[in-house]
Amino acid sequence: MNVSRRTMLGDVNPNEKINTQVIYATSAGSKSSFAYSALIDVFEKAIMDPSRNFCMGLDYRVPLLHGLLDYNYIQGLKLSPSYEEAAF
């Protein structure tokens, strides 16, 4: 939130954690994308100041484990001559 929420009296509650909070949710993209740059930024901040920052990531193995992706499809993509690890 860019603008802190205000109470009915128009004051900002300093104890409300949602004020100035940023949440990124993204799907796969390339390493040259804004989402990847934001991921690295939040990841570094989570290491330096874990009480104020959090980063969670999931890769293709989670939906693969639960049967949402086909293993042979993923292997086919990886074995393709046009496969680029940076874009996967």
PDB file of N, CA and C in Angstrom:
ATOM      1  N   MET A   1       0.855  -1.165   0.000  1.00  0.00           N
ATOM      2  CA  MET A   1       0.000   0.000   0.000  1.00  0.00           C
ATOM      3  C   MET A   1       0.905   1.233   0.000  1.00  0.00           C
ATOM      4  N   ASN A   2       0.709   2.116  -0.948  1.00  0.00           N
ATOM      5  CA  ASN A   2       1.502   3.339  -0.996  1.00  0.00           C
ATOM      6  C   ASN A   2       1.052   4.342   0.053  1.00  0.00           C
ATOM      7  N   VAL A   3      -0.244   4.371   0.318  1.00  0.00           N
ATOM      8  CA  VAL A   3      -0.800   5.318   1.280  1.00  0.00           C
ATOM      9  C   VAL A   3      -1.279   4.528   2.493  1.00  0.00           C
ATOM     10  N   SER A   4      -0.801   4.897   3.666  1.00  0.00           N
ATOM     11  CA  SER A   4      -1.191   4.192   4.884  1.00  0.00           C
ATOM     12  C   SER A   4      -2.678   4.362   5.144  1.00  0.00           C
ATOM     13  N   ARG A   5      -3.306   3.288   5.595  1.00  0.00           N
ATOM     14  CA  ARG A   5      -4.733   3.357   5.935  1.00  0.00           C
ATOM     15  C   ARG A   5      -4.923   4.246   7.152  1.00  0.00           C
ATOM     16  N   ARG A   6      -6.026   4.914   7.180  1.00  0.00           N
ATOM     17  CA  ARG A   6      -6.319   5.832   8.293  1.00  0.00           C
ATOM     18  C   ARG A   6      -7.518   5.339   9.088  1.00  0.00           C
ATOM     19  N   THR A   7      -7.530   5.689  10.373  1.00  0.00           N
ATOM     20  CA  THR A   7      -8.656   5.349  11.235  1.00  0.00           C
ATOM     21  C   THR A   7      -9.816   6.279  10.913  1.00  0.00           C
ATOM     22  N   MET A   8     -10.942   6.078  11.580  1.00  0.00           N
ATOM     23  CA  MET A   8     -12.099   6.948  11.374  1.00  0.00           C
ATOM     24  C   MET A   8     -11.801   8.388  11.773  1.00  0.00           C
ATOM     25  N   LEU A   9     -10.823   8.577  12.656  1.00  0.00           N
ATOM     26  CA  LEU A   9     -10.441   9.923  13.085  1.00  0.00           C
ATOM     27  C   LEU A   9      -9.410  10.557  12.159  1.00  0.00           C
ATOM     28  N   GLY A  10      -8.949   9.806  11.147  1.00  0.00           N
ATOM     29  CA  GLY A  10      -7.990  10.328  10.182  1.00  0.00           C
ATOM     30  C   GLY A  10      -6.537  10.112  10.565  1.00  0.00           C
ATOM     31  N   ASP A  11      -6.295   9.376  11.665  1.00  0.00           N
ATOM     32  CA  ASP A  11      -4.929   9.119  12.109  1.00  0.00           C
ATOM     33  C   ASP A  11      -4.412   7.810  11.523  1.00  0.00           C
ATOM     34  N   VAL A  12      -3.089   7.706  11.415  1.00  0.00           N
ATOM     35  CA  VAL A  12      -2.454   6.465  10.983  1.00  0.00           C
ATOM     36  C   VAL A  12      -2.116   5.658  12.224  1.00  0.00           C
ATOM     37  N   ASN A  13      -2.518   4.385  12.234  1.00  0.00           N
ATOM     38  CA  ASN A  13      -2.211   3.502  13.350  1.00  0.00           C
ATOM     39  C   ASN A  13      -0.789   2.962  13.148  1.00  0.00           C
ATOM     40  N   PRO A  14       0.186   3.350  13.985  1.00  0.00           N
ATOM     41  CA  PRO A  14       1.571   2.913  13.781  1.00  0.00           C
ATOM     42  C   PRO A  14       1.774   1.418  14.014  1.00  0.00           C
ATOM     43  N   ASN A  15       0.820   0.751  14.657  1.00  0.00           N
ATOM     44  CA  ASN A  15       0.940  -0.675  14.935  1.00  0.00           C
ATOM     45  C   ASN A  15       0.352  -1.563  13.851  1.00  0.00           C
ATOM     46  N   GLU A  16      -0.271  -0.971  12.855  1.00  0.00           N
ATOM     47  CA  GLU A  16      -0.877  -1.756  11.783  1.00  0.00           C
ATOM     48  C   GLU A  16       0.204  -2.148  10.773  1.00  0.00           C
ATOM     49  N   LYS A  17       0.452  -3.444  10.648  1.00  0.00           N
ATOM     50  CA  LYS A  17       1.549  -3.953   9.827  1.00  0.00           C
ATOM     51  C   LYS A  17       1.303  -3.805   8.325  1.00  0.00           C
ATOM     52  N   ILE A  18       0.046  -3.692   7.896  1.00  0.00           N
ATOM     53  CA  ILE A  18      -0.239  -3.653   6.461  1.00  0.00           C
ATOM     54  C   ILE A  18       0.180  -2.326   5.816  1.00  0.00           C
ATOM     55  N   ASN A  19       0.384  -1.304   6.603  1.00  0.00           N
ATOM     56  CA  ASN A  19       0.782  -0.013   6.040  1.00  0.00           C
ATOM     57  C   ASN A  19       2.120  -0.147   5.321  1.00  0.00           C
ATOM     58  N   THR A  20       2.181   0.399   4.132  1.00  0.00           N
ATOM     59  CA  THR A  20       3.361   0.378   3.251  1.00  0.00           C
ATOM     60  C   THR A  20       3.866  -1.031   2.961  1.00  0.00           C
ATOM     61  N   GLN A  21       2.984  -1.994   2.901  1.00  0.00           N
ATOM     62  CA  GLN A  21       3.350  -3.372   2.594  1.00  0.00           C
ATOM     63  C   GLN A  21       3.242  -3.613   1.089  1.00  0.00           C
ATOM     64  N   VAL A  22       4.204  -4.326   0.519  1.00  0.00           N
ATOM     65  CA  VAL A  22       4.195  -4.658  -0.901  1.00  0.00           C
ATOM     66  C   VAL A  22       4.189  -6.171  -1.027  1.00  0.00           C
ATOM     67  N   ILE A  23       3.297  -6.694  -1.857  1.00  0.00           N
ATOM     68  CA  ILE A  23       3.213  -8.132  -2.093  1.00  0.00           C
ATOM     69  C   ILE A  23       3.362  -8.375  -3.592  1.00  0.00           C
ATOM     70  N   TYR A  24       4.311  -9.227  -3.957  1.00  0.00           N
ATOM     71  CA  TYR A  24       4.491  -9.623  -5.350  1.00  0.00           C
ATOM     72  C   TYR A  24       4.028 -11.064  -5.498  1.00  0.00           C
ATOM     73  N   ALA A  25       3.258 -11.323  -6.508  1.00  0.00           N
ATOM     74  CA  ALA A  25       2.877 -12.692  -6.870  1.00  0.00           C
ATOM     75  C   ALA A  25       3.048 -12.790  -8.375  1.00  0.00           C
ATOM     76  N   THR A  26       3.860 -13.727  -8.808  1.00  0.00           N
ATOM     77  CA  THR A  26       4.151 -13.802 -10.229  1.00  0.00           C
ATOM     78  C   THR A  26       4.321 -15.248 -10.668  1.00  0.00           C
ATOM     79  N   SER A  27       4.163 -15.475 -11.935  1.00  0.00           N
ATOM     80  CA  SER A  27       4.425 -16.793 -12.497  1.00  0.00           C
ATOM     81  C   SER A  27       5.820 -16.779 -13.118  1.00  0.00           C
ATOM     82  N   ALA A  28       6.166 -17.858 -13.765  1.00  0.00           N
ATOM     83  CA  ALA A  28       7.503 -17.971 -14.346  1.00  0.00           C
ATOM     84  C   ALA A  28       7.768 -16.857 -15.345  1.00  0.00           C
ATOM     85  N   GLY A  29       8.995 -16.437 -15.379  1.00  0.00           N
ATOM     86  CA  GLY A  29       9.414 -15.406 -16.321  1.00  0.00           C
ATOM     87  C   GLY A  29      10.903 -15.513 -16.559  1.00  0.00           C
ATOM     88  N   SER A  30      11.443 -14.609 -17.313  1.00  0.00           N
ATOM     89  CA  SER A  30      12.874 -14.669 -17.604  1.00  0.00           C
ATOM     90  C   SER A  30      13.665 -13.886 -16.563  1.00  0.00           C
ATOM     91  N   LYS A  31      14.959 -14.160 -16.511  1.00  0.00           N
ATOM     92  CA  LYS A  31      15.818 -13.494 -15.537  1.00  0.00           C
ATOM     93  C   LYS A  31      16.000 -12.015 -15.853  1.00  0.00           C
ATOM     94  N   SER A  32      15.620 -11.585 -17.039  1.00  0.00           N
ATOM     95  CA  SER A  32      15.743 -10.173 -17.398  1.00  0.00           C
ATOM     96  C   SER A  32      14.451  -9.401 -17.115  1.00  0.00           C
ATOM     97  N   SER A  33      13.458 -10.032 -16.480  1.00  0.00           N
ATOM     98  CA  SER A  33      12.170  -9.378 -16.236  1.00  0.00           C
ATOM     99  C   SER A  33      12.173  -8.590 -14.931  1.00  0.00           C
ATOM    100  N   PHE A  34      11.206  -7.680 -14.804  1.00  0.00           N
ATOM    101  CA  PHE A  34      11.041  -6.918 -13.573  1.00  0.00           C
ATOM    102  C   PHE A  34      10.743  -7.844 -12.401  1.00  0.00           C
ATOM    103  N   ALA A  35       9.936  -8.873 -12.635  1.00  0.00           N
ATOM    104  CA  ALA A  35       9.552  -9.788 -11.559  1.00  0.00           C
ATOM    105  C   ALA A  35      10.775 -10.489 -10.972  1.00  0.00           C
ATOM    106  N   TYR A  36      11.725 -10.874 -11.823  1.00  0.00           N
ATOM    107  CA  TYR A  36      12.936 -11.538 -11.329  1.00  0.00           C
ATOM    108  C   TYR A  36      13.789 -10.560 -10.514  1.00  0.00           C
ATOM    109  N   SER A  37      13.908  -9.323 -10.985  1.00  0.00           N
ATOM    110  CA  SER A  37      14.658  -8.302 -10.245  1.00  0.00           C
ATOM    111  C   SER A  37      14.027  -8.034  -8.884  1.00  0.00           C
ATOM    112  N   ALA A  38      12.697  -7.963  -8.846  1.00  0.00           N
ATOM    113  CA  ALA A  38      11.985  -7.756  -7.586  1.00  0.00           C
ATOM    114  C   ALA A  38      12.187  -8.947  -6.657  1.00  0.00           C
ATOM    115  N   LEU A  39      12.177 -10.169  -7.205  1.00  0.00           N
ATOM    116  CA  LEU A  39      12.415 -11.366  -6.408  1.00  0.00           C
ATOM    117  C   LEU A  39      13.775 -11.310  -5.726  1.00  0.00           C
ATOM    118  N   ILE A  40      14.818 -10.977  -6.477  1.00  0.00           N
ATOM    119  CA  ILE A  40      16.162 -10.904  -5.915  1.00  0.00           C
ATOM    120  C   ILE A  40      16.228  -9.817  -4.848  1.00  0.00           C
ATOM    121  N   ASP A  41      15.589  -8.689  -5.086  1.00  0.00           N
ATOM    122  CA  ASP A  41      15.576  -7.588  -4.117  1.00  0.00           C
ATOM    123  C   ASP A  41      14.921  -8.023  -2.806  1.00  0.00           C
ATOM    124  N   VAL A  42      13.745  -8.628  -2.898  1.00  0.00           N
ATOM    125  CA  VAL A  42      13.033  -9.073  -1.689  1.00  0.00           C
ATOM    126  C   VAL A  42      13.800 -10.197  -1.001  1.00  0.00           C
ATOM    127  N   PHE A  43      14.387 -11.103  -1.777  1.00  0.00           N
ATOM    128  CA  PHE A  43      15.163 -12.209  -1.213  1.00  0.00           C
ATOM    129  C   PHE A  43      16.352 -11.685  -0.392  1.00  0.00           C
ATOM    130  N   GLU A  44      17.066 -10.706  -0.942  1.00  0.00           N
ATOM    131  CA  GLU A  44      18.198 -10.119  -0.216  1.00  0.00           C
ATOM    132  C   GLU A  44      17.730  -9.408   1.052  1.00  0.00           C
ATOM    133  N   LYS A  45      16.624  -8.677   0.955  1.00  0.00           N
ATOM    134  CA  LYS A  45      16.086  -7.989   2.135  1.00  0.00           C
ATOM    135  C   LYS A  45      15.645  -8.981   3.207  1.00  0.00           C
ATOM    136  N   ALA A  46      15.090 -10.129   2.772  1.00  0.00           N
ATOM    137  CA  ALA A  46      14.656 -11.150   3.732  1.00  0.00           C
ATOM    138  C   ALA A  46      15.845 -11.746   4.475  1.00  0.00           C
ATOM    139  N   ILE A  47      16.989 -11.817   3.826  1.00  0.00           N
ATOM    140  CA  ILE A  47      18.197 -12.307   4.494  1.00  0.00           C
ATOM    141  C   ILE A  47      18.718 -11.269   5.489  1.00  0.00           C
ATOM    142  N   MET A  48      18.726 -10.006   5.083  1.00  0.00           N
ATOM    143  CA  MET A  48      19.285  -8.944   5.925  1.00  0.00           C
ATOM    144  C   MET A  48      18.352  -8.519   7.057  1.00  0.00           C
ATOM    145  N   ASP A  49      17.049  -8.539   6.806  1.00  0.00           N
ATOM    146  CA  ASP A  49      16.084  -8.082   7.809  1.00  0.00           C
ATOM    147  C   ASP A  49      14.851  -8.983   7.783  1.00  0.00           C
ATOM    148  N   PRO A  50      14.979 -10.229   8.298  1.00  0.00           N
ATOM    149  CA  PRO A  50      13.875 -11.191   8.206  1.00  0.00           C
ATOM    150  C   PRO A  50      12.630 -10.818   9.011  1.00  0.00           C
ATOM    151  N   SER A  51      12.754  -9.923   9.969  1.00  0.00           N
ATOM    152  CA  SER A  51      11.571  -9.536  10.751  1.00  0.00           C
ATOM    153  C   SER A  51      10.641  -8.614   9.954  1.00  0.00           C
ATOM    154  N   ARG A  52      11.143  -8.013   8.881  1.00  0.00           N
ATOM    155  CA  ARG A  52      10.330  -7.090   8.085  1.00  0.00           C
ATOM    156  C   ARG A  52      10.120  -7.551   6.644  1.00  0.00           C
ATOM    157  N   ASN A  53      10.798  -8.625   6.237  1.00  0.00           N
ATOM    158  CA  ASN A  53      10.723  -9.081   4.854  1.00  0.00           C
ATOM    159  C   ASN A  53      10.560 -10.592   4.799  1.00  0.00           C
ATOM    160  N   PHE A  54       9.832 -11.055   3.769  1.00  0.00           N
ATOM    161  CA  PHE A  54       9.587 -12.483   3.603  1.00  0.00           C
ATOM    162  C   PHE A  54       9.575 -12.809   2.121  1.00  0.00           C
ATOM    163  N   CYS A  55      10.202 -13.904   1.772  1.00  0.00           N
ATOM    164  CA  CYS A  55      10.233 -14.342   0.377  1.00  0.00           C
ATOM    165  C   CYS A  55       9.933 -15.834   0.331  1.00  0.00           C
ATOM    166  N   MET A  56       8.998 -16.218  -0.524  1.00  0.00           N
ATOM    167  CA  MET A  56       8.658 -17.626  -0.676  1.00  0.00           C
ATOM    168  C   MET A  56       8.587 -17.927  -2.165  1.00  0.00           C
ATOM    169  N   GLY A  57       9.167 -19.027  -2.551  1.00  0.00           N
ATOM    170  CA  GLY A  57       9.140 -19.390  -3.955  1.00  0.00           C
ATOM    171  C   GLY A  57       8.790 -20.849  -4.143  1.00  0.00           C
ATOM    172  N   LEU A  58       8.139 -21.131  -5.222  1.00  0.00           N
ATOM    173  CA  LEU A  58       7.791 -22.505  -5.591  1.00  0.00           C
ATOM    174  C   LEU A  58       8.213 -22.711  -7.037  1.00  0.00           C
ATOM    175  N   ASP A  59       8.696 -23.877  -7.360  1.00  0.00           N
ATOM    176  CA  ASP A  59       9.064 -24.139  -8.740  1.00  0.00           C
ATOM    177  C   ASP A  59       8.158 -25.209  -9.336  1.00  0.00           C
ATOM    178  N   TYR A  60       8.517 -25.680 -10.508  1.00  0.00           N
ATOM    179  CA  TYR A  60       7.669 -26.623 -11.232  1.00  0.00           C
ATOM    180  C   TYR A  60       7.508 -27.948 -10.500  1.00  0.00           C
ATOM    181  N   ARG A  61       8.400 -28.261  -9.556  1.00  0.00           N
ATOM    182  CA  ARG A  61       8.335 -29.566  -8.892  1.00  0.00           C
ATOM    183  C   ARG A  61       7.115 -29.714  -7.982  1.00  0.00           C
ATOM    184  N   VAL A  62       6.570 -28.616  -7.465  1.00  0.00           N
ATOM    185  CA  VAL A  62       5.387 -28.706  -6.599  1.00  0.00           C
ATOM    186  C   VAL A  62       4.167 -29.171  -7.396  1.00  0.00           C
ATOM    187  N   PRO A  63       3.810 -28.516  -8.514  1.00  0.00           N
ATOM    188  CA  PRO A  63       2.673 -29.052  -9.282  1.00  0.00           C
ATOM    189  C   PRO A  63       2.979 -30.409  -9.904  1.00  0.00           C
ATOM    190  N   LEU A  64       4.242 -30.686 -10.191  1.00  0.00           N
ATOM    191  CA  LEU A  64       4.629 -31.992 -10.706  1.00  0.00           C
ATOM    192  C   LEU A  64       4.362 -33.076  -9.664  1.00  0.00           C
ATOM    193  N   LEU A  65       4.714 -32.807  -8.422  1.00  0.00           N
ATOM    194  CA  LEU A  65       4.503 -33.738  -7.322  1.00  0.00           C
ATOM    195  C   LEU A  65       3.022 -34.053  -7.118  1.00  0.00           C
ATOM    196  N   HIS A  66       2.161 -33.073  -7.340  1.00  0.00           N
ATOM    197  CA  HIS A  66       0.727 -33.245  -7.113  1.00  0.00           C
ATOM    198  C   HIS A  66      -0.038 -33.639  -8.376  1.00  0.00           C
ATOM    199  N   GLY A  67       0.693 -33.983  -9.415  1.00  0.00           N
ATOM    200  CA  GLY A  67       0.050 -34.472 -10.627  1.00  0.00           C
ATOM    201  C   GLY A  67      -0.590 -33.408 -11.496  1.00  0.00           C
ATOM    202  N   LEU A  68      -0.260 -32.143 -11.286  1.00  0.00           N
ATOM    203  CA  LEU A  68      -0.835 -31.073 -12.100  1.00  0.00           C
ATOM    204  C   LEU A  68      -0.055 -30.851 -13.393  1.00  0.00           C
ATOM    205  N   LEU A  69       1.202 -31.248 -13.391  1.00  0.00           N
ATOM    206  CA  LEU A  69       2.024 -31.207 -14.595  1.00  0.00           C
ATOM    207  C   LEU A  69       2.464 -32.621 -14.933  1.00  0.00           C
ATOM    208  N   ASP A  70       2.623 -32.891 -16.213  1.00  0.00           N
ATOM    209  CA  ASP A  70       3.064 -34.201 -16.666  1.00  0.00           C
ATOM    210  C   ASP A  70       4.590 -34.239 -16.715  1.00  0.00           C
ATOM    211  N   TYR A  71       5.191 -35.251 -16.089  1.00  0.00           N
ATOM    212  CA  TYR A  71       6.642 -35.391 -16.035  1.00  0.00           C
ATOM    213  C   TYR A  71       7.246 -35.472 -17.436  1.00  0.00           C
ATOM    214  N   ASN A  72       6.628 -36.229 -18.313  1.00  0.00           N
ATOM    215  CA  ASN A  72       7.155 -36.373 -19.674  1.00  0.00           C
ATOM    216  C   ASN A  72       7.135 -35.053 -20.438  1.00  0.00           C
ATOM    217  N   TYR A  73       6.130 -34.232 -20.175  1.00  0.00           N
ATOM    218  CA  TYR A  73       6.063 -32.904 -20.794  1.00  0.00           C
ATOM    219  C   TYR A  73       7.244 -32.044 -20.356  1.00  0.00           C
ATOM    220  N   ILE A  74       7.532 -32.028 -19.060  1.00  0.00           N
ATOM    221  CA  ILE A  74       8.653 -31.246 -18.522  1.00  0.00           C
ATOM    222  C   ILE A  74       9.976 -31.759 -19.087  1.00  0.00           C
ATOM    223  N   GLN A  75      10.152 -33.080 -19.127  1.00  0.00           N
ATOM    224  CA  GLN A  75      11.386 -33.655 -19.678  1.00  0.00           C
ATOM    225  C   GLN A  75      11.542 -33.284 -21.150  1.00  0.00           C
ATOM    226  N   GLY A  76      10.442 -33.296 -21.884  1.00  0.00           N
ATOM    227  CA  GLY A  76      10.479 -32.902 -23.290  1.00  0.00           C
ATOM    228  C   GLY A  76      10.926 -31.462 -23.467  1.00  0.00           C
ATOM    229  N   LEU A  77      10.429 -30.574 -22.603  1.00  0.00           N
ATOM    230  CA  LEU A  77      10.849 -29.175 -22.666  1.00  0.00           C
ATOM    231  C   LEU A  77      12.338 -29.035 -22.382  1.00  0.00           C
ATOM    232  N   LYS A  78      12.813 -29.753 -21.376  1.00  0.00           N
ATOM    233  CA  LYS A  78      14.228 -29.647 -21.001  1.00  0.00           C
ATOM    234  C   LYS A  78      15.159 -30.232 -22.056  1.00  0.00           C
ATOM    235  N   LEU A  79      14.705 -31.246 -22.782  1.00  0.00           N
ATOM    236  CA  LEU A  79      15.540 -31.888 -23.797  1.00  0.00           C
ATOM    237  C   LEU A  79      15.449 -31.204 -25.159  1.00  0.00           C
ATOM    238  N   SER A  80      14.565 -30.238 -25.285  1.00  0.00           N
ATOM    239  CA  SER A  80      14.395 -29.523 -26.547  1.00  0.00           C
ATOM    240  C   SER A  80      15.656 -28.712 -26.872  1.00  0.00           C
ATOM    241  N   PRO A  81      16.030 -28.637 -28.152  1.00  0.00           N
ATOM    242  CA  PRO A  81      17.209 -27.843 -28.524  1.00  0.00           C
ATOM    243  C   PRO A  81      17.029 -26.351 -28.265  1.00  0.00           C
ATOM    244  N   SER A  82      15.799 -25.903 -28.151  1.00  0.00           N
ATOM    245  CA  SER A  82      15.553 -24.489 -27.880  1.00  0.00           C
ATOM    246  C   SER A  82      15.459 -24.177 -26.383  1.00  0.00           C
ATOM    247  N   TYR A  83      15.710 -25.183 -25.545  1.00  0.00           N
ATOM    248  CA  TYR A  83      15.621 -25.021 -24.084  1.00  0.00           C
ATOM    249  C   TYR A  83      16.677 -24.045 -23.587  1.00  0.00           C
ATOM    250  N   GLU A  84      16.244 -23.087 -22.780  1.00  0.00           N
ATOM    251  CA  GLU A  84      17.153 -22.150 -22.122  1.00  0.00           C
ATOM    252  C   GLU A  84      16.838 -22.181 -20.634  1.00  0.00           C
ATOM    253  N   GLU A  85      17.817 -22.532 -19.826  1.00  0.00           N
ATOM    254  CA  GLU A  85      17.592 -22.625 -18.380  1.00  0.00           C
ATOM    255  C   GLU A  85      17.127 -21.290 -17.801  1.00  0.00           C
ATOM    256  N   ALA A  86      17.660 -20.194 -18.302  1.00  0.00           N
ATOM    257  CA  ALA A  86      17.298 -18.875 -17.783  1.00  0.00           C
ATOM    258  C   ALA A  86      15.832 -18.541 -18.023  1.00  0.00           C
ATOM    259  N   ALA A  87      15.247 -19.107 -19.059  1.00  0.00           N
ATOM    260  CA  ALA A  87      13.854 -18.808 -19.386  1.00  0.00           C
ATOM    261  C   ALA A  87      12.887 -19.842 -18.841  1.00  0.00           C
ATOM    262  N   PHE A  88      13.394 -20.979 -18.326  1.00  0.00           N
ATOM    263  CA  PHE A  88      12.515 -22.051 -17.888  1.00  0.00           C
ATOM    264  C   PHE A  88      11.838 -21.709 -16.607  1.00  0.00           C
TER     265      PHE A  88
END
